[in-house]
Amino acid sequence: MSKRPLLFLLLISNLVLAQAHIAGLQRPRITSPMEGEVVQGNINVTGSTRVEGFSLYEVAYSYQEDATGTWFLLNQSREIVSDGVLAVWDTTTIADGTYNLRLVIVRTDGSSLETVVGGLRVRNYTPIETASPLPQDIVTATAVPAVISTPIGLPSPTPMQPNPAEVSLARVGRTLLSGALWMLAVFVLLGLYIGIRSLSRR
């Protein structure tokens, strides 16, 4: 097989990759801040403006909820920037909220290219929100009812506490005996008393 077709294919592929690389470089880019980032104070807006037919570039911001599409200019320059500072944005001069940044490049033929970075959260005077966990990351602790297994059978009798008001036969017997002894003692004393008085009268 000849090497010429192989060399030709390699040459074509290299040209395609080179064109793709050049096309990638020749797009307006904002590298910082990134979409959804929290910004505070003075921040450097960085990126690249190297495109074919470059004439000038503008960097502007807008309030994301503004339906009028009003943009406020931060910087305008005719200098080509390659991965450098495009503008300095003083976020302390605006209210906290969510904003967009836009880089527009005007070319010599009158056409323009632009790129927009959205969801920039300015938080100079309000607390920074914490990231909300995704639903699959939320673990909900649920109480699992305890299952108590009880052997099936008749319930065992519970021993009863002794009743203090209960009258037993032994107690009745002791009471009767005590009463009889007291009666006997009374009769004995009474007999002695009567005997002593009768002797004293004689």
C-alpha atoms as a PDB file:
ATOM      1  CA  MET A   1       0.000   0.000   0.000  1.00  0.00           C
ATOM      2  CA  SER A   2       1.366   3.459  -0.873  1.00  0.00           C
ATOM      3  CA  LYS A   3       2.191   5.902   1.894  1.00  0.00           C
ATOM      4  CA  ARG A   4       0.758   8.881  -0.009  1.00  0.00           C
ATOM      5  CA  PRO A   5      -2.923   8.253   0.849  1.00  0.00           C
ATOM      6  CA  LEU A   6      -1.964   7.782   4.504  1.00  0.00           C
ATOM      7  CA  LEU A   7       0.025  11.018   4.570  1.00  0.00           C
ATOM      8  CA  PHE A   8      -2.843  12.797   2.834  1.00  0.00           C
ATOM      9  CA  LEU A   9      -5.317  11.604   5.495  1.00  0.00           C
ATOM     10  CA  LEU A  10      -2.999  12.719   8.295  1.00  0.00           C
ATOM     11  CA  LEU A  11      -2.637  16.132   6.676  1.00  0.00           C
ATOM     12  CA  ILE A  12      -6.416  16.544   6.335  1.00  0.00           C
ATOM     13  CA  SER A  13      -7.041  15.499   9.953  1.00  0.00           C
ATOM     14  CA  ASN A  14      -4.414  17.939  11.213  1.00  0.00           C
ATOM     15  CA  LEU A  15      -5.980  20.742   9.208  1.00  0.00           C
ATOM     16  CA  VAL A  16      -9.413  19.942  10.629  1.00  0.00           C
ATOM     17  CA  LEU A  17      -8.072  19.906  14.196  1.00  0.00           C
ATOM     18  CA  ALA A  18      -6.212  23.154  13.604  1.00  0.00           C
ATOM     19  CA  GLN A  19      -9.306  24.844  12.223  1.00  0.00           C
ATOM     20  CA  ALA A  20     -11.356  23.598  15.184  1.00  0.00           C
ATOM     21  CA  HIS A  21      -8.711  24.883  17.594  1.00  0.00           C
ATOM     22  CA  ILE A  22      -8.600  28.277  15.876  1.00  0.00           C
ATOM     23  CA  ALA A  23     -12.393  28.458  15.845  1.00  0.00           C
ATOM     24  CA  GLY A  24     -12.377  27.682  19.565  1.00  0.00           C
ATOM     25  CA  LEU A  25      -9.869  30.442  20.221  1.00  0.00           C
ATOM     26  CA  GLN A  26     -11.795  32.882  18.055  1.00  0.00           C
ATOM     27  CA  ARG A  27     -14.814  32.968  20.305  1.00  0.00           C
ATOM     28  CA  PRO A  28     -15.406  35.582  23.003  1.00  0.00           C
ATOM     29  CA  ARG A  29     -14.915  33.938  26.396  1.00  0.00           C
ATOM     30  CA  ILE A  30     -15.482  34.926  30.013  1.00  0.00           C
ATOM     31  CA  THR A  31     -13.431  32.616  32.201  1.00  0.00           C
ATOM     32  CA  SER A  32     -14.191  34.321  35.537  1.00  0.00           C
ATOM     33  CA  PRO A  33     -16.564  34.684  37.268  1.00  0.00           C
ATOM     34  CA  MET A  34     -18.284  31.412  36.408  1.00  0.00           C
ATOM     35  CA  GLU A  35     -22.021  30.837  36.071  1.00  0.00           C
ATOM     36  CA  GLY A  36     -23.854  30.660  39.418  1.00  0.00           C
ATOM     37  CA  GLU A  37     -20.857  31.948  41.385  1.00  0.00           C
ATOM     38  CA  VAL A  38     -21.183  34.216  44.436  1.00  0.00           C
ATOM     39  CA  VAL A  39     -19.394  37.560  43.916  1.00  0.00           C
ATOM     40  CA  GLN A  40     -18.513  40.243  46.451  1.00  0.00           C
ATOM     41  CA  GLY A  41     -16.625  43.529  46.358  1.00  0.00           C
ATOM     42  CA  ASN A  42     -14.378  44.377  43.409  1.00  0.00           C
ATOM     43  CA  ILE A  43     -13.911  41.409  41.089  1.00  0.00           C
ATOM     44  CA  ASN A  44     -11.846  40.974  37.943  1.00  0.00           C
ATOM     45  CA  VAL A  45     -13.811  39.869  34.900  1.00  0.00           C
ATOM     46  CA  THR A  46     -11.350  37.761  32.913  1.00  0.00           C
ATOM     47  CA  GLY A  47     -11.537  36.158  29.500  1.00  0.00           C
ATOM     48  CA  SER A  48     -10.447  36.462  25.880  1.00  0.00           C
ATOM     49  CA  THR A  49     -11.418  38.690  22.938  1.00  0.00           C
ATOM     50  CA  ARG A  50      -9.067  37.286  20.280  1.00  0.00           C
ATOM     51  CA  VAL A  51     -11.244  36.787  17.210  1.00  0.00           C
ATOM     52  CA  GLU A  52     -10.720  37.371  13.506  1.00  0.00           C
ATOM     53  CA  GLY A  53     -11.586  40.926  12.444  1.00  0.00           C
ATOM     54  CA  PHE A  54     -11.591  42.250  16.024  1.00  0.00           C
ATOM     55  CA  SER A  55     -12.520  45.909  16.350  1.00  0.00           C
ATOM     56  CA  LEU A  56     -13.591  46.487  19.978  1.00  0.00           C
ATOM     57  CA  TYR A  57     -15.210  44.763  22.944  1.00  0.00           C
ATOM     58  CA  GLU A  58     -17.690  45.734  25.625  1.00  0.00           C
ATOM     59  CA  VAL A  59     -18.372  44.179  29.045  1.00  0.00           C
ATOM     60  CA  ALA A  60     -21.737  44.925  30.647  1.00  0.00           C
ATOM     61  CA  TYR A  61     -24.029  43.561  33.368  1.00  0.00           C
ATOM     62  CA  SER A  62     -27.781  43.335  33.816  1.00  0.00           C
ATOM     63  CA  TYR A  63     -30.187  42.360  36.557  1.00  0.00           C
ATOM     64  CA  GLN A  64     -31.375  38.854  35.755  1.00  0.00           C
ATOM     65  CA  GLU A  65     -35.018  39.557  36.653  1.00  0.00           C
ATOM     66  CA  ASP A  66     -35.156  42.728  34.509  1.00  0.00           C
ATOM     67  CA  ALA A  67     -37.550  42.082  31.634  1.00  0.00           C
ATOM     68  CA  THR A  68     -36.509  45.267  29.808  1.00  0.00           C
ATOM     69  CA  GLY A  69     -33.115  43.833  28.822  1.00  0.00           C
ATOM     70  CA  THR A  70     -31.189  46.873  30.076  1.00  0.00           C
ATOM     71  CA  TRP A  71     -27.395  46.450  30.199  1.00  0.00           C
ATOM     72  CA  PHE A  72     -24.980  48.641  32.181  1.00  0.00           C
ATOM     73  CA  LEU A  73     -21.532  49.144  30.658  1.00  0.00           C
ATOM     74  CA  LEU A  74     -18.510  48.150  32.744  1.00  0.00           C
ATOM     75  CA  ASN A  75     -15.740  48.584  30.203  1.00  0.00           C
ATOM     76  CA  GLN A  76     -15.117  49.195  26.491  1.00  0.00           C
ATOM     77  CA  SER A  77     -11.740  48.737  24.812  1.00  0.00           C
ATOM     78  CA  ARG A  78     -10.127  48.325  21.417  1.00  0.00           C
ATOM     79  CA  GLU A  79      -7.291  46.207  22.807  1.00  0.00           C
ATOM     80  CA  ILE A  80      -7.273  42.470  22.187  1.00  0.00           C
ATOM     81  CA  VAL A  81      -7.194  40.476  25.441  1.00  0.00           C
ATOM     82  CA  SER A  82      -5.937  36.897  25.601  1.00  0.00           C
ATOM     83  CA  ASP A  83      -6.924  35.232  28.883  1.00  0.00           C
ATOM     84  CA  GLY A  84      -6.610  38.484  30.806  1.00  0.00           C
ATOM     85  CA  VAL A  85      -8.654  41.093  32.655  1.00  0.00           C
ATOM     86  CA  LEU A  86     -11.515  42.468  30.609  1.00  0.00           C
ATOM     87  CA  ALA A  87     -13.046  44.720  33.289  1.00  0.00           C
ATOM     88  CA  VAL A  88     -13.212  45.383  37.029  1.00  0.00           C
ATOM     89  CA  TRP A  89     -16.718  45.077  38.471  1.00  0.00           C
ATOM     90  CA  ASP A  90     -17.431  46.942  41.731  1.00  0.00           C
ATOM     91  CA  THR A  91     -20.411  44.997  43.051  1.00  0.00           C
ATOM     92  CA  THR A  92     -20.722  47.178  46.183  1.00  0.00           C
ATOM     93  CA  THR A  93     -22.412  49.902  44.134  1.00  0.00           C
ATOM     94  CA  ILE A  94     -25.424  47.712  43.254  1.00  0.00           C
ATOM     95  CA  ALA A  95     -28.078  45.941  45.270  1.00  0.00           C
ATOM     96  CA  ASP A  96     -27.642  42.307  46.184  1.00  0.00           C
ATOM     97  CA  GLY A  97     -29.328  40.013  43.720  1.00  0.00           C
ATOM     98  CA  THR A  98     -28.753  37.782  40.713  1.00  0.00           C
ATOM     99  CA  TYR A  99     -27.048  39.288  37.656  1.00  0.00           C
ATOM    100  CA  ASN A 100     -25.776  38.449  34.178  1.00  0.00           C
ATOM    101  CA  LEU A 101     -22.460  39.432  32.597  1.00  0.00           C
ATOM    102  CA  ARG A 102     -22.096  39.914  28.853  1.00  0.00           C
ATOM    103  CA  LEU A 103     -19.043  40.184  26.618  1.00  0.00           C
ATOM    104  CA  VAL A 104     -19.725  41.605  23.152  1.00  0.00           C
ATOM    105  CA  ILE A 105     -17.071  41.769  20.422  1.00  0.00           C
ATOM    106  CA  VAL A 106     -17.654  44.043  17.430  1.00  0.00           C
ATOM    107  CA  ARG A 107     -15.732  43.098  14.288  1.00  0.00           C
ATOM    108  CA  THR A 108     -14.487  45.280  11.459  1.00  0.00           C
ATOM    109  CA  ASP A 109     -17.202  44.037   9.101  1.00  0.00           C
ATOM    110  CA  GLY A 110     -19.898  45.313  11.492  1.00  0.00           C
ATOM    111  CA  SER A 111     -20.907  41.875  12.826  1.00  0.00           C
ATOM    112  CA  SER A 112     -20.716  41.014  16.505  1.00  0.00           C
ATOM    113  CA  LEU A 113     -20.133  38.017  18.755  1.00  0.00           C
ATOM    114  CA  GLU A 114     -21.258  37.750  22.346  1.00  0.00           C
ATOM    115  CA  THR A 115     -21.187  35.441  25.335  1.00  0.00           C
ATOM    116  CA  VAL A 116     -23.240  35.690  28.537  1.00  0.00           C
ATOM    117  CA  VAL A 117     -22.531  34.307  32.003  1.00  0.00           C
ATOM    118  CA  GLY A 118     -25.725  34.095  34.080  1.00  0.00           C
ATOM    119  CA  GLY A 119     -26.804  33.440  37.641  1.00  0.00           C
ATOM    120  CA  LEU A 120     -24.091  35.536  39.296  1.00  0.00           C
ATOM    121  CA  ARG A 121     -25.145  36.074  42.912  1.00  0.00           C
ATOM    122  CA  VAL A 122     -24.039  39.413  44.353  1.00  0.00           C
ATOM    123  CA  ARG A 123     -23.970  39.035  48.149  1.00  0.00           C
ATOM    124  CA  ASN A 124     -22.379  42.076  49.776  1.00  0.00           C
ATOM    125  CA  TYR A 125     -25.130  42.859  52.263  1.00  0.00           C
ATOM    126  CA  THR A 126     -27.051  39.598  52.652  1.00  0.00           C
ATOM    127  CA  PRO A 127     -25.992  36.132  53.872  1.00  0.00           C
ATOM    128  CA  ILE A 128     -24.706  33.635  51.320  1.00  0.00           C
ATOM    129  CA  GLU A 129     -27.145  30.774  50.839  1.00  0.00           C
ATOM    130  CA  THR A 130     -25.992  27.241  51.537  1.00  0.00           C
ATOM    131  CA  ALA A 131     -26.380  24.666  48.816  1.00  0.00           C
ATOM    132  CA  SER A 132     -29.566  22.632  49.117  1.00  0.00           C
ATOM    133  CA  PRO A 133     -29.069  18.877  49.131  1.00  0.00           C
ATOM    134  CA  LEU A 134     -30.503  16.904  46.266  1.00  0.00           C
ATOM    135  CA  PRO A 135     -33.581  14.797  47.027  1.00  0.00           C
ATOM    136  CA  GLN A 136     -31.591  11.573  46.727  1.00  0.00           C
ATOM    137  CA  ASP A 137     -29.113  12.899  49.285  1.00  0.00           C
ATOM    138  CA  ILE A 138     -31.755  13.514  51.923  1.00  0.00           C
ATOM    139  CA  VAL A 139     -32.023  10.682  54.445  1.00  0.00           C
ATOM    140  CA  THR A 140     -35.260  10.710  56.412  1.00  0.00           C
ATOM    141  CA  ALA A 141     -35.215   8.909  59.713  1.00  0.00           C
ATOM    142  CA  THR A 142     -38.504   7.078  60.252  1.00  0.00           C
ATOM    143  CA  ALA A 143     -39.448   5.343  63.447  1.00  0.00           C
ATOM    144  CA  VAL A 144     -39.822   1.593  63.032  1.00  0.00           C
ATOM    145  CA  PRO A 145     -42.447   0.176  65.410  1.00  0.00           C
ATOM    146  CA  ALA A 146     -41.020  -2.454  67.712  1.00  0.00           C
ATOM    147  CA  VAL A 147     -42.523  -5.914  67.353  1.00  0.00           C
ATOM    148  CA  ILE A 148     -42.849  -7.731  70.683  1.00  0.00           C
ATOM    149  CA  SER A 149     -43.453 -11.450  70.419  1.00  0.00           C
ATOM    150  CA  THR A 150     -45.506 -12.867  73.314  1.00  0.00           C
ATOM    151  CA  PRO A 151     -45.882 -16.633  73.775  1.00  0.00           C
ATOM    152  CA  ILE A 152     -49.479 -17.761  73.406  1.00  0.00           C
ATOM    153  CA  GLY A 153     -50.919 -19.281  76.609  1.00  0.00           C
ATOM    154  CA  LEU A 154     -52.973 -18.593  79.680  1.00  0.00           C
ATOM    155  CA  PRO A 155     -51.845 -15.665  81.760  1.00  0.00           C
ATOM    156  CA  SER A 156     -50.047 -16.634  84.948  1.00  0.00           C
ATOM    157  CA  PRO A 157     -51.881 -15.628  88.171  1.00  0.00           C
ATOM    158  CA  THR A 158     -50.577 -12.578  89.914  1.00  0.00           C
ATOM    159  CA  PRO A 159     -50.028 -13.136  93.660  1.00  0.00           C
ATOM    160  CA  MET A 160     -52.416 -11.009  95.694  1.00  0.00           C
ATOM    161  CA  GLN A 161     -51.186  -8.783  98.481  1.00  0.00           C
ATOM    162  CA  PRO A 162     -52.523  -9.727 101.949  1.00  0.00           C
ATOM    163  CA  ASN A 163     -55.673  -7.829 102.912  1.00  0.00           C
ATOM    164  CA  PRO A 164     -55.185  -6.001 106.215  1.00  0.00           C
ATOM    165  CA  ALA A 165     -58.981  -5.962 106.800  1.00  0.00           C
ATOM    166  CA  GLU A 166     -59.323  -9.734 106.438  1.00  0.00           C
ATOM    167  CA  VAL A 167     -60.382 -11.537 109.746  1.00  0.00           C
ATOM    168  CA  SER A 168     -58.826 -14.965 110.177  1.00  0.00           C
ATOM    169  CA  LEU A 169     -60.096 -17.770 112.431  1.00  0.00           C
ATOM    170  CA  ALA A 170     -56.942 -17.651 114.528  1.00  0.00           C
ATOM    171  CA  ARG A 171     -57.473 -13.982 115.160  1.00  0.00           C
ATOM    172  CA  VAL A 172     -61.102 -14.589 116.226  1.00  0.00           C
ATOM    173  CA  GLY A 173     -59.962 -17.308 118.608  1.00  0.00           C
ATOM    174  CA  ARG A 174     -57.337 -15.079 120.161  1.00  0.00           C
ATOM    175  CA  THR A 175     -59.905 -12.310 120.633  1.00  0.00           C
ATOM    176  CA  LEU A 176     -62.411 -14.618 122.347  1.00  0.00           C
ATOM    177  CA  LEU A 177     -59.742 -16.044 124.621  1.00  0.00           C
ATOM    178  CA  SER A 178     -58.552 -12.593 125.576  1.00  0.00           C
ATOM    179  CA  GLY A 179     -62.127 -11.546 126.380  1.00  0.00           C
ATOM    180  CA  ALA A 180     -62.740 -14.632 128.499  1.00  0.00           C
ATOM    181  CA  LEU A 181     -59.573 -14.018 130.513  1.00  0.00           C
ATOM    182  CA  TRP A 182     -60.583 -10.395 131.115  1.00  0.00           C
ATOM    183  CA  MET A 183     -64.051 -11.517 132.305  1.00  0.00           C
ATOM    184  CA  LEU A 184     -62.496 -14.092 134.588  1.00  0.00           C
ATOM    185  CA  ALA A 185     -60.166 -11.493 136.050  1.00  0.00           C
ATOM    186  CA  VAL A 186     -63.122  -9.146 136.609  1.00  0.00           C
ATOM    187  CA  PHE A 187     -65.111 -11.870 138.396  1.00  0.00           C
ATOM    188  CA  VAL A 188     -62.104 -12.801 140.559  1.00  0.00           C
ATOM    189  CA  LEU A 189     -61.549  -9.201 141.575  1.00  0.00           C
ATOM    190  CA  LEU A 190     -65.248  -8.704 142.162  1.00  0.00           C
ATOM    191  CA  GLY A 191     -65.362 -11.842 144.397  1.00  0.00           C
ATOM    192  CA  LEU A 192     -62.370 -10.674 146.386  1.00  0.00           C
ATOM    193  CA  TYR A 193     -63.977  -7.256 146.864  1.00  0.00           C
ATOM    194  CA  ILE A 194     -67.254  -8.757 148.078  1.00  0.00           C
ATOM    195  CA  GLY A 195     -65.408 -11.147 150.402  1.00  0.00           C
ATOM    196  CA  ILE A 196     -63.333  -8.349 151.919  1.00  0.00           C
ATOM    197  CA  ARG A 197     -66.431  -6.201 152.611  1.00  0.00           C
ATOM    198  CA  SER A 198     -68.324  -9.054 154.233  1.00  0.00           C
ATOM    199  CA  LEU A 199     -65.401  -9.743 156.570  1.00  0.00           C
ATOM    200  CA  SER A 200     -65.136  -6.100 157.498  1.00  0.00           C
ATOM    201  CA  ARG A 201     -68.815  -5.919 158.539  1.00  0.00           C
ATOM    202  CA  ARG A 202     -68.469  -8.697 161.087  1.00  0.00           C
END
